[in-house]
Amino acid sequence: MAELRFEWDTEKARSNLRKHGVSFET
């Protein structure tokens, strides 16, 4: 389950990066 959440968070981070120009993957 942790792996699935990691993948989902990665996709969310990409979406936020596109929309706001901010990446949560520091």
N, C-alpha and C. Protein backbone atom coordinates (compact mmCIF):
# COMPACT_ATOMS: atom_id res chain seq x y z
N MET A 1 0.83 -1.20 0.00
CA MET A 1 0.00 0.00 0.00
C MET A 1 0.87 1.26 0.00
N ALA A 2 1.98 1.19 0.71
CA ALA A 2 2.87 2.35 0.77
C ALA A 2 3.39 2.70 -0.62
N GLU A 3 3.70 1.68 -1.41
CA GLU A 3 4.21 1.93 -2.76
C GLU A 3 3.15 2.61 -3.62
N LEU A 4 1.90 2.16 -3.49
CA LEU A 4 0.81 2.74 -4.27
C LEU A 4 0.64 4.21 -3.89
N ARG A 5 0.71 4.50 -2.60
CA ARG A 5 0.57 5.88 -2.15
C ARG A 5 1.72 6.73 -2.69
N PHE A 6 2.93 6.17 -2.71
CA PHE A 6 4.08 6.89 -3.23
C PHE A 6 3.86 7.26 -4.69
N GLU A 7 3.36 6.32 -5.47
CA GLU A 7 3.08 6.58 -6.88
C GLU A 7 2.03 7.67 -7.02
N TRP A 8 0.98 7.60 -6.20
CA TRP A 8 -0.10 8.58 -6.27
C TRP A 8 0.43 9.96 -5.89
N ASP A 9 1.26 10.02 -4.85
CA ASP A 9 1.84 11.30 -4.44
C ASP A 9 2.74 11.86 -5.53
N THR A 10 3.43 10.99 -6.23
CA THR A 10 4.29 11.44 -7.32
C THR A 10 3.46 12.09 -8.42
N GLU A 11 2.36 11.45 -8.77
CA GLU A 11 1.47 12.00 -9.80
C GLU A 11 0.89 13.33 -9.33
N LYS A 12 0.51 13.42 -8.09
CA LYS A 12 -0.05 14.65 -7.54
C LYS A 12 1.01 15.75 -7.58
N ALA A 13 2.24 15.39 -7.23
CA ALA A 13 3.33 16.36 -7.24
C ALA A 13 3.55 16.89 -8.65
N ARG A 14 3.49 16.01 -9.65
CA ARG A 14 3.65 16.44 -11.04
C ARG A 14 2.53 17.39 -11.43
N SER A 15 1.31 17.06 -11.02
CA SER A 15 0.16 17.89 -11.34
C SER A 15 0.31 19.27 -10.72
N ASN A 16 0.72 19.31 -9.46
CA ASN A 16 0.94 20.58 -8.77
C ASN A 16 2.08 21.35 -9.42
N LEU A 17 3.11 20.64 -9.85
CA LEU A 17 4.25 21.29 -10.49
C LEU A 17 3.80 21.97 -11.78
N ARG A 18 2.93 21.31 -12.54
CA ARG A 18 2.42 21.90 -13.77
C ARG A 18 1.53 23.11 -13.49
N LYS A 19 0.65 22.98 -12.50
CA LYS A 19 -0.33 24.03 -12.24
C LYS A 19 0.26 25.23 -11.51
N HIS A 20 1.15 24.96 -10.56
CA HIS A 20 1.64 26.04 -9.70
C HIS A 20 3.14 26.29 -9.86
N GLY A 21 3.82 25.40 -10.58
CA GLY A 21 5.25 25.57 -10.75
C GLY A 21 6.01 25.27 -9.47
N VAL A 22 5.41 24.44 -8.61
CA VAL A 22 6.05 24.10 -7.34
C VAL A 22 6.14 22.58 -7.22
N SER A 23 7.30 22.10 -6.83
CA SER A 23 7.47 20.66 -6.67
C SER A 23 7.64 20.32 -5.20
N PHE A 24 6.92 19.28 -4.75
CA PHE A 24 7.02 18.85 -3.36
C PHE A 24 8.11 17.79 -3.20
N GLU A 25 8.74 17.43 -4.31
CA GLU A 25 9.82 16.45 -4.24
C GLU A 25 11.13 17.20 -4.08
N THR A 26 11.47 17.56 -2.86
CA THR A 26 12.68 18.35 -2.63
C THR A 26 13.89 17.47 -2.49
